[in-house]
Protein backbone atom coordinates (compact mmCIF):
# COMPACT_ATOMS: atom_id res chain seq x y z
CA UNK A 1 -11.87 -21.06 11.97
CA UNK A 2 -12.32 -19.56 8.32
CA UNK A 3 -8.17 -18.32 8.09
CA UNK A 4 -7.51 -22.04 9.66
CA UNK A 5 -9.55 -24.33 7.44
CA UNK A 6 -8.54 -22.41 4.70
CA UNK A 7 -5.00 -23.81 3.71
CA UNK A 8 -6.37 -26.93 4.44
CA UNK A 9 -9.00 -26.70 1.81
CA UNK A 10 -6.46 -26.03 -0.60
CA UNK A 11 -4.33 -28.34 0.00
CA UNK A 12 -7.04 -31.04 -0.52
CA UNK A 13 -8.02 -29.21 -4.13
CA UNK A 14 -4.61 -29.91 -5.10
CA UNK A 15 -4.78 -33.74 -4.36
CA UNK A 16 -7.96 -34.10 -6.26
CA UNK A 17 -8.22 -35.94 -9.35
CA UNK A 18 -8.93 -32.61 -11.21
CA UNK A 19 -4.86 -31.63 -10.93
CA UNK A 20 -4.56 -34.40 -13.98
CA UNK A 21 -2.69 -32.11 -16.14
CA UNK A 22 1.28 -31.97 -15.60
CA UNK A 23 2.24 -29.69 -12.88
CA UNK A 24 5.41 -26.80 -13.09
CA UNK A 25 6.17 -25.45 -10.21
CA UNK A 26 8.03 -22.18 -9.91
CA UNK A 27 10.08 -20.42 -6.57
CA UNK A 28 8.95 -17.67 -5.51
CA UNK A 29 11.82 -15.36 -3.39
CA UNK A 30 12.14 -12.10 -2.20
CA UNK A 31 14.83 -10.42 -0.33
CA UNK A 32 15.30 -7.21 1.29
CA UNK A 33 18.04 -6.10 3.76
CA UNK A 34 17.20 -2.43 4.71
CA UNK A 35 18.84 0.49 6.83
CA UNK A 36 16.22 2.59 8.44
CA UNK A 37 17.32 5.80 10.80
CA UNK A 38 14.29 8.33 12.04
CA UNK A 39 15.22 11.78 13.96
CA UNK A 40 12.19 13.03 15.47
CA UNK A 41 11.50 15.30 18.40
CA UNK A 42 11.11 15.62 21.22
CA UNK A 43 12.56 12.31 21.47
CA UNK A 44 16.15 12.47 22.67
CA UNK A 45 16.94 8.96 20.87
CA UNK A 46 17.65 8.19 17.20
CA UNK A 47 15.92 5.40 15.49
CA UNK A 48 18.44 3.09 13.94
CA UNK A 49 16.93 -0.02 12.32
CA UNK A 50 18.99 -2.95 10.42
CA UNK A 51 16.53 -5.00 8.97
CA UNK A 52 16.40 -8.12 7.11
CA UNK A 53 13.59 -9.50 5.53
CA UNK A 54 13.02 -13.06 3.19
CA UNK A 55 10.04 -13.99 1.45
CA UNK A 56 10.33 -17.51 -0.15
CA UNK A 57 7.33 -20.22 -1.47
CA UNK A 58 6.88 -21.32 -5.03
CA UNK A 59 3.89 -21.25 -7.52
CA UNK A 60 2.61 -24.59 -8.96
CA UNK A 61 0.91 -24.85 -12.22
CA UNK A 62 -1.49 -27.59 -13.62
CA UNK A 63 -4.16 -26.45 -16.42
CA UNK A 64 -6.24 -24.15 -15.60
CA UNK A 65 -5.60 -23.66 -11.29
CA UNK A 66 -2.35 -22.69 -9.90
CA UNK A 67 -1.43 -22.78 -5.98
CA UNK A 68 0.71 -20.53 -4.27
CA UNK A 69 2.65 -20.91 -1.06
CA UNK A 70 4.82 -17.93 0.46
CA UNK A 71 6.30 -17.62 3.87
CA UNK A 72 7.37 -14.42 5.23
CA UNK A 73 10.09 -14.05 7.67
CA UNK A 74 11.87 -10.00 8.98
CA UNK A 75 14.39 -10.27 11.51
CA UNK A 76 16.11 -6.95 13.35
CA UNK A 77 19.84 -6.99 13.16
CA UNK A 78 20.15 -3.59 14.73
CA UNK A 79 16.89 -2.88 16.87
CA UNK A 80 17.59 0.65 18.11
CA UNK A 81 14.33 1.46 17.26
CA UNK A 82 10.46 0.94 18.20
CA UNK A 83 9.02 -1.92 15.96
CA UNK A 84 5.35 -1.30 17.37
CA UNK A 85 5.31 -4.44 19.33
CA UNK A 86 8.90 -4.62 21.09
CA UNK A 87 7.49 -2.21 23.35
CA UNK A 88 10.97 0.46 23.19
CA UNK A 89 8.56 3.75 23.28
CA UNK A 90 12.07 5.47 23.76
CA UNK A 91 12.64 5.27 20.22
CA UNK A 92 10.57 6.61 17.04
CA UNK A 93 8.74 3.90 15.33
CA UNK A 94 9.99 2.24 12.92
CA UNK A 95 7.52 -0.24 11.25
CA UNK A 96 9.11 -3.43 10.77
CA UNK A 97 8.66 -5.80 13.76
CA UNK A 98 10.54 -9.04 13.90
CA UNK A 99 8.08 -11.76 12.40
CA UNK A 100 7.39 -15.18 10.74
CA UNK A 101 4.29 -16.05 9.27
CA UNK A 102 2.59 -17.36 6.57
CA UNK A 103 2.33 -14.51 3.96
CA UNK A 104 0.71 -15.74 1.47
CA UNK A 105 -1.77 -19.14 0.20
CA UNK A 106 -4.35 -18.96 -2.27
CA UNK A 107 -5.61 -21.12 -5.36
CA UNK A 108 -6.63 -19.71 -8.58
CA UNK A 109 -8.97 -20.53 -11.04
CA UNK A 110 -8.57 -20.04 -14.73
CA UNK A 111 -11.59 -22.09 -16.13
CA UNK A 112 -13.97 -20.06 -17.22
CA UNK A 113 -13.88 -17.71 -19.84
CA UNK A 114 -12.05 -14.14 -19.14
CA UNK A 115 -12.35 -14.81 -15.79
CA UNK A 116 -9.74 -15.37 -13.07
CA UNK A 117 -10.86 -16.16 -9.17
CA UNK A 118 -8.57 -16.24 -6.89
CA UNK A 119 -9.18 -17.41 -3.15
CA UNK A 120 -6.65 -17.64 -0.06
CA UNK A 121 -4.45 -15.55 1.33
CA UNK A 122 -3.74 -13.17 -1.03
CA UNK A 123 -1.96 -9.80 -2.20
CA UNK A 124 -4.52 -7.28 -3.12
CA UNK A 125 -2.90 -3.80 -4.94
CA UNK A 126 -6.02 -1.88 -6.71
CA UNK A 127 -5.66 1.35 -8.71
CA UNK A 128 -3.19 3.23 -7.26
CA UNK A 129 -3.21 1.67 -3.88
CA UNK A 130 -4.77 4.94 -2.49
CA UNK A 131 -7.75 2.56 -1.02
CA UNK A 132 -6.47 -1.11 -1.11
CA UNK A 133 -3.15 -2.33 -1.04
CA UNK A 134 -0.57 -4.41 0.09
CA UNK A 135 1.63 -1.93 1.61
CA UNK A 136 5.45 -3.29 0.22
CA UNK A 137 6.68 -0.68 1.95
CA UNK A 138 7.02 -2.55 4.75
CA UNK A 139 9.00 -5.27 5.93
CA UNK A 140 5.96 -7.24 6.50
CA UNK A 141 3.13 -6.77 3.72
CA UNK A 142 -0.14 -6.58 4.37
CA UNK A 143 -2.20 -9.31 2.73
CA UNK A 144 -5.80 -10.26 2.95
CA UNK A 145 -7.92 -13.35 3.53
CA UNK A 146 -10.43 -13.58 0.48
CA UNK A 147 -11.60 -14.36 -2.42
CA UNK A 148 -11.90 -12.09 -5.67
CA UNK A 149 -13.51 -12.09 -9.15
CA UNK A 150 -11.78 -10.16 -12.02
CA UNK A 151 -13.81 -10.38 -15.12
CA UNK A 152 -12.65 -8.82 -18.72
CA UNK A 153 -15.71 -10.68 -20.80
CA UNK A 154 -15.93 -7.02 -22.71
CA UNK A 155 -13.55 -5.45 -24.87
CA UNK A 156 -11.45 -2.64 -22.75
CA UNK A 157 -13.87 -3.71 -19.81
CA UNK A 158 -12.94 -4.78 -16.73
CA UNK A 159 -14.78 -5.77 -13.54
CA UNK A 160 -13.06 -6.60 -10.10
CA UNK A 161 -14.71 -7.66 -6.88
CA UNK A 162 -13.56 -9.16 -3.56
CA UNK A 163 -14.38 -9.82 -0.66
CA UNK A 164 -12.12 -9.86 2.62
CA UNK A 165 -12.81 -11.96 5.70
CA UNK A 166 -9.28 -10.71 7.46
CA UNK A 167 -6.88 -8.02 6.65
CA UNK A 168 -3.59 -9.06 7.66
CA UNK A 169 -1.71 -6.35 8.69
CA UNK A 170 2.42 -5.16 9.16
CA UNK A 171 2.52 -5.73 12.61
CA UNK A 172 3.37 -9.67 12.42
CA UNK A 173 2.89 -12.46 15.24
CA UNK A 174 3.52 -10.48 17.83
CA UNK A 175 0.86 -7.71 17.41
CA UNK A 176 -1.63 -6.94 19.21
CA UNK A 177 -3.16 -3.79 21.48
CA UNK A 178 -0.57 -4.07 24.23
CA UNK A 179 1.43 -2.46 22.61
CA UNK A 180 -0.61 0.49 21.27
CA UNK A 181 -4.09 1.38 19.50
CA UNK A 182 -4.39 -0.92 16.03
CA UNK A 183 -1.62 -2.93 15.81
CA UNK A 184 -3.45 -6.07 14.99
CA UNK A 185 -2.05 -8.91 13.41
CA UNK A 186 -5.39 -9.19 11.67
CA UNK A 187 -8.77 -7.36 11.43
CA UNK A 188 -11.34 -9.35 10.73
CA UNK A 189 -14.19 -8.23 9.30
CA UNK A 190 -16.66 -8.39 6.09
CA UNK A 191 -14.80 -5.77 3.68
CA UNK A 192 -16.23 -5.41 0.29
CA UNK A 193 -13.78 -3.98 -2.47
CA UNK A 194 -15.11 -3.42 -6.07
CA UNK A 195 -14.41 -1.59 -8.91
CA UNK A 196 -14.95 -1.62 -12.90
CA UNK A 197 -12.66 -0.08 -15.01
CA UNK A 198 -12.99 1.09 -18.80
CA UNK A 199 -10.22 1.66 -20.88
CA UNK A 200 -10.14 4.29 -23.78
CA UNK A 201 -7.76 6.11 -26.17
CA UNK A 202 -7.59 8.98 -23.77
CA UNK A 203 -7.17 7.23 -20.45
CA UNK A 204 -8.62 4.75 -18.30
CA UNK A 205 -12.12 5.51 -16.26
CA UNK A 206 -12.80 3.18 -13.04
CA UNK A 207 -15.86 3.59 -10.82
CA UNK A 208 -15.37 1.73 -7.53
CA UNK A 209 -16.85 0.84 -4.36
CA UNK A 210 -14.85 -0.27 -0.92
CA UNK A 211 -16.72 -1.31 2.66
CA UNK A 212 -14.05 -1.32 5.11
CA UNK A 213 -15.44 -3.33 8.13
CA UNK A 214 -12.87 -3.78 10.83
CA UNK A 215 -14.50 -5.88 13.58
CA UNK A 216 -11.65 -5.56 16.53
CA UNK A 217 -12.74 -2.54 18.91
CA UNK A 218 -9.92 -0.40 18.89
CA UNK A 219 -10.24 0.18 14.88
CA UNK A 220 -14.38 0.13 14.96
CA UNK A 221 -13.61 3.79 13.88
CA UNK A 222 -12.07 3.14 10.64
CA UNK A 223 -15.26 0.88 8.94
CA UNK A 224 -16.05 3.04 6.27
CA UNK A 225 -18.38 2.86 2.52
CA UNK A 226 -16.36 4.79 0.19
CA UNK A 227 -18.31 5.39 -3.42
CA UNK A 228 -15.81 7.56 -5.80
CA UNK A 229 -14.58 7.34 -9.74
CA UNK A 230 -10.56 7.75 -11.38
CA UNK A 231 -9.57 8.95 -14.40
CA UNK A 232 -5.78 8.53 -15.26
CA UNK A 233 -4.19 8.33 -18.31
CA UNK A 234 -1.16 10.22 -20.68
CA UNK A 235 -1.45 11.03 -24.36
CA UNK A 236 1.93 11.69 -26.63
CA UNK A 237 2.68 15.29 -27.73
CA UNK A 238 5.60 14.76 -29.35
CA UNK A 239 8.08 11.62 -29.74
CA UNK A 240 9.75 12.56 -26.94
CA UNK A 241 6.97 15.07 -24.82
CA UNK A 242 4.10 13.03 -23.17
CA UNK A 243 1.74 14.51 -20.61
CA UNK A 244 0.29 12.57 -17.86
CA UNK A 245 -2.79 13.31 -15.95
CA UNK A 246 -4.94 11.72 -13.44
CA UNK A 247 -7.86 12.63 -11.03
CA UNK A 248 -9.88 11.23 -8.37
CA UNK A 249 -13.70 11.91 -6.08
CA UNK A 250 -14.86 10.24 -3.31
CA UNK A 251 -17.29 10.06 -0.83
CA UNK A 252 -16.99 8.18 2.20
CA UNK A 253 -19.59 8.22 5.24
CA UNK A 254 -19.59 5.72 8.85
CA UNK A 255 -20.22 1.96 7.97
CA UNK A 256 -21.14 -1.21 9.83
CA UNK A 257 -20.51 -0.20 13.70
CA UNK A 258 -18.43 2.54 12.90
CA UNK A 259 -19.52 4.69 16.39
CA UNK A 260 -19.02 8.15 14.60
CA UNK A 261 -21.29 9.68 11.80
CA UNK A 262 -20.11 11.80 8.94
CA UNK A 263 -19.76 12.31 5.66
CA UNK A 264 -16.64 13.50 3.68
CA UNK A 265 -14.77 14.35 0.63
CA UNK A 266 -12.04 12.87 -1.27
CA UNK A 267 -10.57 14.92 -4.18
CA UNK A 268 -7.08 14.16 -6.19
CA UNK A 269 -5.82 15.60 -9.40
CA UNK A 270 -2.38 15.38 -10.92
CA UNK A 271 -0.75 16.74 -14.37
CA UNK A 272 2.66 15.55 -14.96
CA UNK A 273 5.03 16.18 -18.25
CA UNK A 274 7.97 13.94 -19.60
CA UNK A 275 10.52 15.43 -22.02
CA UNK A 276 12.70 12.35 -22.37
CA UNK A 277 14.55 11.03 -19.59
CA UNK A 278 13.23 14.01 -17.81
CA UNK A 279 9.92 14.53 -15.68
CA UNK A 280 7.84 17.57 -13.80
CA UNK A 281 4.45 17.40 -12.07
CA UNK A 282 1.94 19.02 -10.07
CA UNK A 283 -0.73 17.99 -8.10
CA UNK A 284 -3.31 18.17 -5.09
CA UNK A 285 -5.10 15.81 -3.03
CA UNK A 286 -7.52 16.62 0.11
CA UNK A 287 -9.05 14.43 2.53
CA UNK A 288 -11.83 15.83 3.58
CA UNK A 289 -13.65 16.72 7.59
CA UNK A 290 -17.17 16.91 8.67
CA UNK A 291 -17.29 18.27 12.29
CA UNK A 292 -13.21 18.46 13.56
CA UNK A 293 -13.75 15.43 15.69
CA UNK A 294 -10.75 12.41 15.46
CA UNK A 295 -11.98 9.36 12.87
CA UNK A 296 -14.83 11.68 11.29
CA UNK A 297 -12.11 13.09 8.30
CA UNK A 298 -11.96 10.90 5.09
CA UNK A 299 -9.69 7.67 6.02
CA UNK A 300 -7.83 5.24 4.13
CA UNK A 301 -6.67 2.45 6.63
CA UNK A 302 -6.30 -0.37 3.91
CA UNK A 303 -4.11 1.74 1.97
CA UNK A 304 -0.45 1.47 1.43
CA UNK A 305 -0.04 4.78 3.03
CA UNK A 306 3.55 5.65 2.37
CA UNK A 307 3.04 5.92 -1.02
CA UNK A 308 1.02 9.52 0.00
CA UNK A 309 1.46 12.46 1.72
CA UNK A 310 4.94 12.20 2.31
CA UNK A 311 7.65 9.48 2.92
CA UNK A 312 7.56 10.92 6.64
CA UNK A 313 4.87 8.85 7.17
CA UNK A 314 2.83 12.07 9.46
CA UNK A 315 -0.91 11.28 7.98
CA UNK A 316 -0.96 8.03 8.24
CA UNK A 317 -4.34 8.51 10.09
CA UNK A 318 -6.02 11.61 8.44
CA UNK A 319 -6.57 14.81 11.16
CA UNK A 320 -10.10 15.36 12.84
CA UNK A 321 -9.08 18.99 10.11
CA UNK A 322 -8.84 17.02 7.26
CA UNK A 323 -5.42 17.40 5.29
CA UNK A 324 -4.42 19.07 1.93
CA UNK A 325 -1.91 18.30 -0.07
CA UNK A 326 -0.63 20.69 -2.32
CA UNK A 327 2.55 19.09 -4.01
CA UNK A 328 5.75 19.24 -7.13
CA UNK A 329 8.07 16.75 -8.53
CA UNK A 330 10.64 16.79 -10.48
CA UNK A 331 12.98 13.58 -11.45
CA UNK A 332 15.44 11.93 -14.19
CA UNK A 333 16.28 8.27 -15.48
CA UNK A 334 18.48 6.78 -17.19
CA UNK A 335 18.36 2.81 -18.89
CA UNK A 336 21.38 0.80 -19.57
CA UNK A 337 23.81 3.33 -18.12
CA UNK A 338 26.90 1.44 -17.60
CA UNK A 339 26.33 -1.46 -15.37
CA UNK A 340 22.97 -0.40 -14.53
CA UNK A 341 20.18 -1.34 -16.25
CA UNK A 342 17.90 1.34 -15.04
CA UNK A 343 18.61 4.73 -12.82
CA UNK A 344 16.39 7.19 -11.33
CA UNK A 345 16.54 10.03 -9.52
CA UNK A 346 13.31 11.92 -7.46
CA UNK A 347 12.76 15.01 -5.50
CA UNK A 348 9.12 15.95 -4.19
CA UNK A 349 7.97 19.06 -2.65
CA UNK A 350 4.76 18.94 -0.05
CA UNK A 351 3.00 21.95 1.42
CA UNK A 352 0.47 20.39 3.73
CA UNK A 353 -2.76 22.22 5.64
CA UNK A 354 -6.00 21.21 6.60
CA UNK A 355 -8.97 20.96 4.86
CA UNK A 356 -11.23 22.72 7.54
CA UNK A 357 -9.91 26.06 9.11
CA UNK A 358 -7.72 26.18 6.87
CA UNK A 359 -4.49 25.55 9.06
CA UNK A 360 -1.39 25.27 7.84
CA UNK A 361 0.19 21.60 8.93
CA UNK A 362 3.94 21.80 8.04
CA UNK A 363 6.14 20.94 4.61
CA UNK A 364 8.02 17.81 3.53
CA UNK A 365 10.87 17.52 1.47
CA UNK A 366 11.57 13.88 -0.38
CA UNK A 367 14.72 12.92 -2.21
CA UNK A 368 15.00 9.26 -3.78
CA UNK A 369 17.76 7.24 -6.05
CA UNK A 370 17.70 3.89 -7.17
CA UNK A 371 19.08 1.43 -9.20
CA UNK A 372 18.87 -1.69 -10.78
CA UNK A 373 20.91 -4.89 -11.81
CA UNK A 374 18.99 -7.74 -13.58
CA UNK A 375 17.16 -8.74 -10.67
CA UNK A 376 19.04 -6.32 -8.16
CA UNK A 377 17.62 -3.26 -6.45
CA UNK A 378 19.24 -0.13 -4.77
CA UNK A 379 17.62 2.44 -3.24
CA UNK A 380 18.08 5.53 -1.15
CA UNK A 381 16.15 7.89 0.28
CA UNK A 382 15.60 11.45 2.58
CA UNK A 383 12.44 12.32 4.06
CA UNK A 384 12.35 15.85 6.02
CA UNK A 385 9.24 17.29 6.93
CA UNK A 386 9.07 20.80 8.86
CA UNK A 387 6.22 21.20 11.25
CA UNK A 388 4.16 24.49 11.67
CA UNK A 389 1.37 23.64 13.26
CA UNK A 390 1.06 19.63 13.09
CA UNK A 391 2.99 16.51 14.72
CA UNK A 392 6.95 17.01 14.95
CA UNK A 393 10.55 18.06 13.20
CA UNK A 394 11.19 14.11 11.82
CA UNK A 395 13.75 13.39 9.02
CA UNK A 396 13.87 9.65 7.66
CA UNK A 397 16.65 7.74 5.99
CA UNK A 398 16.72 4.64 4.03
CA UNK A 399 19.69 2.77 2.32
CA UNK A 400 18.75 -0.85 0.68
CA UNK A 401 19.14 -3.50 -1.79
CA UNK A 402 16.59 -6.15 -3.13
CA UNK A 403 16.78 -9.34 -4.63
CA UNK A 404 13.80 -10.98 -6.44
CA UNK A 405 12.68 -13.88 -8.75
């Protein structure tokens, strides 16, 4: 009922005399054409997915108010793949099902000092998206029906608090448990995302609380309470030499109606060095385990998971014995090279093992090349996962073009 009523409330507010100032309207358009190939053992058929995604809408501003409405549609041009909702289980999964839906519908108010209030269906990306993100890599974006308050009334200090009653997942209008566990179109609950960040000369220190309440029967085990902190920053050693660093710790327990009882810890650290256009980095991330039972390890179900633990997406759900990910990266970038505004190359190596019982999982190599010309972006990516005790051998390749205003 709340999800149906909210759009009507937002439209009614726009029609009130409070919106007497001139109204400016800006279009919102984001189009993507992508090819994804997946070769995964032991499946005998490879996935070949060609999808086209379009988000289109507008943002209207008047005085201290703004109103944004955006629809999203995904078309499967070549559907030789398991979208997660099409029942084609003989193919590897490419989680881009055909879909038409209301992606965002939000009202924003900026009439209070140093405060932004956003109500409605909205995109939420917090910090590095390790705990809450929009899953922007997939065609169907994850958004939230929520009320969010951002306050920055003290210099260098920001408080950000959200109450969300529905997670609008990537599975779209055909989502439902008939296609497998946790593939709902939307998951209701009483979620709270809160963090407070302080900017300093050497980096940003953030303390956070994420209370995830998953109401649907097949995902009750992902309800959790997470408390922790993160510090990230950079330091210019010389004009062409920069050091980057990040560290994070969190503790997670079961929450709400989660049938499991557990306590698990999270640790992450990363160092990087930028030398002109060249970059090198190394890091480690540990998602801890409690007793080795499924869903008693550290979970982040609302994260942008493709950004973490390898692009092959073998660890979207943390294994019962937890996960250790030790990785190194190389990168190089150019600006204003020929017809391109920017070009970048990257390579990452991951070595995976368990947190509990110190069992090796596998290795992965990820490489990418991207370029941008004005509003158009081009991307090539490849991921190769070599199993050594967890999951199966998998390779993935992507080629995409995206245009946005």
